[in-house]
């Protein structure tokens, strides 16, 4: 089943990923948010476009 995330959740997730401490991976952040690392990575790439 596909999860639907709110825009505010996506923004917070990307901000958390971009401000992560050294040694913490995008996968770690994604796991803590109960989502896939590939989805979070896509959001980060889209955010870099703006």
PDB file of N, CA and C in Angstrom:
ATOM      1  N   UNK A   1       0.835  -1.183   0.000  1.00  0.00           N
ATOM      2  CA  UNK A   1       0.000   0.000   0.000  1.00  0.00           C
ATOM      3  C   UNK A   1       0.880   1.247   0.000  1.00  0.00           C
ATOM      4  N   UNK A   2       0.553   2.176  -0.826  1.00  0.00           N
ATOM      5  CA  UNK A   2       1.316   3.409  -0.969  1.00  0.00           C
ATOM      6  C   UNK A   2       0.965   4.388   0.154  1.00  0.00           C
ATOM      7  N   UNK A   3       2.000   4.994   0.731  1.00  0.00           N
ATOM      8  CA  UNK A   3       1.779   5.989   1.783  1.00  0.00           C
ATOM      9  C   UNK A   3       1.675   7.370   1.156  1.00  0.00           C
ATOM     10  N   UNK A   4       0.801   8.177   1.696  1.00  0.00           N
ATOM     11  CA  UNK A   4       0.683   9.571   1.270  1.00  0.00           C
ATOM     12  C   UNK A   4       1.243  10.448   2.374  1.00  0.00           C
ATOM     13  N   UNK A   5       2.178  11.307   2.025  1.00  0.00           N
ATOM     14  CA  UNK A   5       2.815  12.187   2.985  1.00  0.00           C
ATOM     15  C   UNK A   5       2.393  13.623   2.712  1.00  0.00           C
ATOM     16  N   UNK A   6       2.184  14.376   3.780  1.00  0.00           N
ATOM     17  CA  UNK A   6       1.822  15.778   3.622  1.00  0.00           C
ATOM     18  C   UNK A   6       3.044  16.580   3.184  1.00  0.00           C
ATOM     19  N   UNK A   7       2.782  17.733   2.628  1.00  0.00           N
ATOM     20  CA  UNK A   7       3.874  18.612   2.201  1.00  0.00           C
ATOM     21  C   UNK A   7       4.733  19.012   3.392  1.00  0.00           C
ATOM     22  N   UNK A   8       4.107  19.298   4.515  1.00  0.00           N
ATOM     23  CA  UNK A   8       4.890  19.702   5.694  1.00  0.00           C
ATOM     24  C   UNK A   8       5.775  18.562   6.192  1.00  0.00           C
ATOM     25  N   UNK A   9       5.294  17.325   6.115  1.00  0.00           N
ATOM     26  CA  UNK A   9       6.110  16.180   6.492  1.00  0.00           C
ATOM     27  C   UNK A   9       7.325  16.063   5.574  1.00  0.00           C
ATOM     28  N   UNK A  10       7.094  16.230   4.277  1.00  0.00           N
ATOM     29  CA  UNK A  10       8.185  16.141   3.305  1.00  0.00           C
ATOM     30  C   UNK A  10       9.245  17.205   3.577  1.00  0.00           C
ATOM     31  N   UNK A  11       8.800  18.423   3.853  1.00  0.00           N
ATOM     32  CA  UNK A  11       9.740  19.518   4.129  1.00  0.00           C
ATOM     33  C   UNK A  11      10.558  19.209   5.374  1.00  0.00           C
ATOM     34  N   UNK A  12       9.905  18.762   6.430  1.00  0.00           N
ATOM     35  CA  UNK A  12      10.614  18.432   7.667  1.00  0.00           C
ATOM     36  C   UNK A  12      11.591  17.281   7.453  1.00  0.00           C
ATOM     37  N   UNK A  13      11.189  16.283   6.697  1.00  0.00           N
ATOM     38  CA  UNK A  13      12.061  15.139   6.441  1.00  0.00           C
ATOM     39  C   UNK A  13      13.312  15.570   5.681  1.00  0.00           C
ATOM     40  N   UNK A  14      13.147  16.407   4.665  1.00  0.00           N
ATOM     41  CA  UNK A  14      14.291  16.898   3.887  1.00  0.00           C
ATOM     42  C   UNK A  14      15.190  17.762   4.764  1.00  0.00           C
ATOM     43  N   UNK A  15      14.601  18.627   5.577  1.00  0.00           N
ATOM     44  CA  UNK A  15      15.406  19.465   6.474  1.00  0.00           C
ATOM     45  C   UNK A  15      16.198  18.610   7.450  1.00  0.00           C
ATOM     46  N   UNK A  16      15.569  17.566   7.988  1.00  0.00           N
ATOM     47  CA  UNK A  16      16.277  16.654   8.897  1.00  0.00           C
ATOM     48  C   UNK A  16      17.430  15.963   8.187  1.00  0.00           C
ATOM     49  N   UNK A  17      17.188  15.533   6.973  1.00  0.00           N
ATOM     50  CA  UNK A  17      18.230  14.829   6.220  1.00  0.00           C
ATOM     51  C   UNK A  17      19.396  15.755   5.887  1.00  0.00           C
ATOM     52  N   UNK A  18      19.100  16.993   5.511  1.00  0.00           N
ATOM     53  CA  UNK A  18      20.162  17.921   5.129  1.00  0.00           C
ATOM     54  C   UNK A  18      20.954  18.426   6.334  1.00  0.00           C
ATOM     55  N   UNK A  19      20.357  18.399   7.509  1.00  0.00           N
ATOM     56  CA  UNK A  19      21.048  18.886   8.700  1.00  0.00           C
ATOM     57  C   UNK A  19      21.532  17.737   9.596  1.00  0.00           C
ATOM     58  N   UNK A  20      21.571  16.537   9.044  1.00  0.00           N
ATOM     59  CA  UNK A  20      21.960  15.369   9.840  1.00  0.00           C
ATOM     60  C   UNK A  20      23.411  15.476  10.300  1.00  0.00           C
ATOM     61  N   UNK A  21      23.693  14.835  11.400  1.00  0.00           N
ATOM     62  CA  UNK A  21      25.047  14.857  11.938  1.00  0.00           C
ATOM     63  C   UNK A  21      25.930  13.886  11.159  1.00  0.00           C
ATOM     64  N   UNK A  22      27.219  14.110  11.254  1.00  0.00           N
ATOM     65  CA  UNK A  22      28.181  13.264  10.551  1.00  0.00           C
ATOM     66  C   UNK A  22      28.036  11.826  11.037  1.00  0.00           C
ATOM     67  N   UNK A  23      28.052  10.915  10.116  1.00  0.00           N
ATOM     68  CA  UNK A  23      27.912   9.504  10.447  1.00  0.00           C
ATOM     69  C   UNK A  23      26.478   8.999  10.360  1.00  0.00           C
ATOM     70  N   UNK A  24      25.529   9.916  10.240  1.00  0.00           N
ATOM     71  CA  UNK A  24      24.127   9.539  10.077  1.00  0.00           C
ATOM     72  C   UNK A  24      23.807   9.558   8.589  1.00  0.00           C
ATOM     73  N   UNK A  25      23.231   8.489   8.110  1.00  0.00           N
ATOM     74  CA  UNK A  25      22.936   8.383   6.683  1.00  0.00           C
ATOM     75  C   UNK A  25      21.493   8.781   6.392  1.00  0.00           C
ATOM     76  N   UNK A  26      21.217   8.998   5.117  1.00  0.00           N
ATOM     77  CA  UNK A  26      19.843   9.260   4.692  1.00  0.00           C
ATOM     78  C   UNK A  26      18.976   8.054   5.048  1.00  0.00           C
ATOM     79  N   UNK A  27      19.545   6.883   4.933  1.00  0.00           N
ATOM     80  CA  UNK A  27      18.824   5.666   5.304  1.00  0.00           C
ATOM     81  C   UNK A  27      18.439   5.644   6.773  1.00  0.00           C
ATOM     82  N   UNK A  28      19.329   6.132   7.625  1.00  0.00           N
ATOM     83  CA  UNK A  28      19.029   6.210   9.058  1.00  0.00           C
ATOM     84  C   UNK A  28      17.850   7.146   9.314  1.00  0.00           C
ATOM     85  N   UNK A  29      17.889   8.305   8.664  1.00  0.00           N
ATOM     86  CA  UNK A  29      16.805   9.276   8.820  1.00  0.00           C
ATOM     87  C   UNK A  29      15.502   8.675   8.303  1.00  0.00           C
ATOM     88  N   UNK A  30      15.550   8.062   7.131  1.00  0.00           N
ATOM     89  CA  UNK A  30      14.354   7.462   6.540  1.00  0.00           C
ATOM     90  C   UNK A  30      13.778   6.373   7.447  1.00  0.00           C
ATOM     91  N   UNK A  31      14.633   5.537   7.992  1.00  0.00           N
ATOM     92  CA  UNK A  31      14.159   4.475   8.888  1.00  0.00           C
ATOM     93  C   UNK A  31      13.467   5.053  10.111  1.00  0.00           C
ATOM     94  N   UNK A  32      14.026   6.125  10.649  1.00  0.00           N
ATOM     95  CA  UNK A  32      13.421   6.734  11.835  1.00  0.00           C
ATOM     96  C   UNK A  32      12.056   7.345  11.521  1.00  0.00           C
ATOM     97  N   UNK A  33      11.815   7.639  10.248  1.00  0.00           N
ATOM     98  CA  UNK A  33      10.536   8.213   9.817  1.00  0.00           C
ATOM     99  C   UNK A  33       9.600   7.156   9.211  1.00  0.00           C
ATOM    100  N   UNK A  34      10.024   5.891   9.283  1.00  0.00           N
ATOM    101  CA  UNK A  34       9.230   4.775   8.736  1.00  0.00           C
ATOM    102  C   UNK A  34       8.938   4.946   7.253  1.00  0.00           C
ATOM    103  N   UNK A  35       9.982   5.265   6.507  1.00  0.00           N
ATOM    104  CA  UNK A  35       9.848   5.424   5.064  1.00  0.00           C
ATOM    105  C   UNK A  35      11.096   4.880   4.391  1.00  0.00           C
ATOM    106  N   UNK A  36      11.079   4.770   3.082  1.00  0.00           N
ATOM    107  CA  UNK A  36      12.230   4.233   2.362  1.00  0.00           C
ATOM    108  C   UNK A  36      13.275   5.315   2.106  1.00  0.00           C
ATOM    109  N   UNK A  37      14.520   4.886   2.072  1.00  0.00           N
ATOM    110  CA  UNK A  37      15.619   5.812   1.797  1.00  0.00           C
ATOM    111  C   UNK A  37      15.513   6.360   0.376  1.00  0.00           C
ATOM    112  N   UNK A  38      15.028   5.561  -0.551  1.00  0.00           N
ATOM    113  CA  UNK A  38      14.933   6.029  -1.936  1.00  0.00           C
ATOM    114  C   UNK A  38      13.911   7.155  -2.064  1.00  0.00           C
ATOM    115  N   UNK A  39      12.819   7.064  -1.341  1.00  0.00           N
ATOM    116  CA  UNK A  39      11.816   8.139  -1.379  1.00  0.00           C
ATOM    117  C   UNK A  39      12.398   9.425  -0.815  1.00  0.00           C
ATOM    118  N   UNK A  40      13.063   9.330   0.332  1.00  0.00           N
ATOM    119  CA  UNK A  40      13.664  10.514   0.939  1.00  0.00           C
ATOM    120  C   UNK A  40      14.739  11.099   0.029  1.00  0.00           C
ATOM    121  N   UNK A  41      15.526  10.262  -0.595  1.00  0.00           N
ATOM    122  CA  UNK A  41      16.557  10.738  -1.529  1.00  0.00           C
ATOM    123  C   UNK A  41      15.944  11.501  -2.698  1.00  0.00           C
ATOM    124  N   UNK A  42      14.822  11.012  -3.212  1.00  0.00           N
ATOM    125  CA  UNK A  42      14.131  11.710  -4.305  1.00  0.00           C
ATOM    126  C   UNK A  42      13.653  13.078  -3.862  1.00  0.00           C
ATOM    127  N   UNK A  43      13.113  13.159  -2.648  1.00  0.00           N
ATOM    128  CA  UNK A  43      12.657  14.444  -2.127  1.00  0.00           C
ATOM    129  C   UNK A  43      13.825  15.414  -1.988  1.00  0.00           C
ATOM    130  N   UNK A  44      14.969  14.901  -1.540  1.00  0.00           N
ATOM    131  CA  UNK A  44      16.164  15.755  -1.381  1.00  0.00           C
ATOM    132  C   UNK A  44      16.605  16.288  -2.742  1.00  0.00           C
ATOM    133  N   UNK A  45      16.624  15.426  -3.740  1.00  0.00           N
ATOM    134  CA  UNK A  45      17.025  15.868  -5.078  1.00  0.00           C
ATOM    135  C   UNK A  45      16.062  16.918  -5.629  1.00  0.00           C
ATOM    136  N   UNK A  46      14.783  16.742  -5.402  1.00  0.00           N
ATOM    137  CA  UNK A  46      13.783  17.721  -5.852  1.00  0.00           C
ATOM    138  C   UNK A  46      13.979  19.037  -5.117  1.00  0.00           C
ATOM    139  N   UNK A  47      14.290  18.982  -3.837  1.00  0.00           N
ATOM    140  CA  UNK A  47      14.496  20.209  -3.045  1.00  0.00           C
ATOM    141  C   UNK A  47      15.713  20.983  -3.538  1.00  0.00           C
ATOM    142  N   UNK A  48      16.740  20.260  -4.016  1.00  0.00           N
ATOM    143  CA  UNK A  48      17.945  20.924  -4.529  1.00  0.00           C
ATOM    144  C   UNK A  48      17.667  21.699  -5.799  1.00  0.00           C
ATOM    145  N   UNK A  49      16.562  21.402  -6.475  1.00  0.00           N
ATOM    146  CA  UNK A  49      16.218  22.099  -7.711  1.00  0.00           C
ATOM    147  C   UNK A  49      15.697  23.511  -7.439  1.00  0.00           C
ATOM    148  N   UNK A  50      15.251  23.756  -6.211  1.00  0.00           N
ATOM    149  CA  UNK A  50      14.635  25.038  -5.878  1.00  0.00           C
ATOM    150  C   UNK A  50      15.614  25.921  -5.232  1.00  0.00           C
TER     151      UNK A  50
END
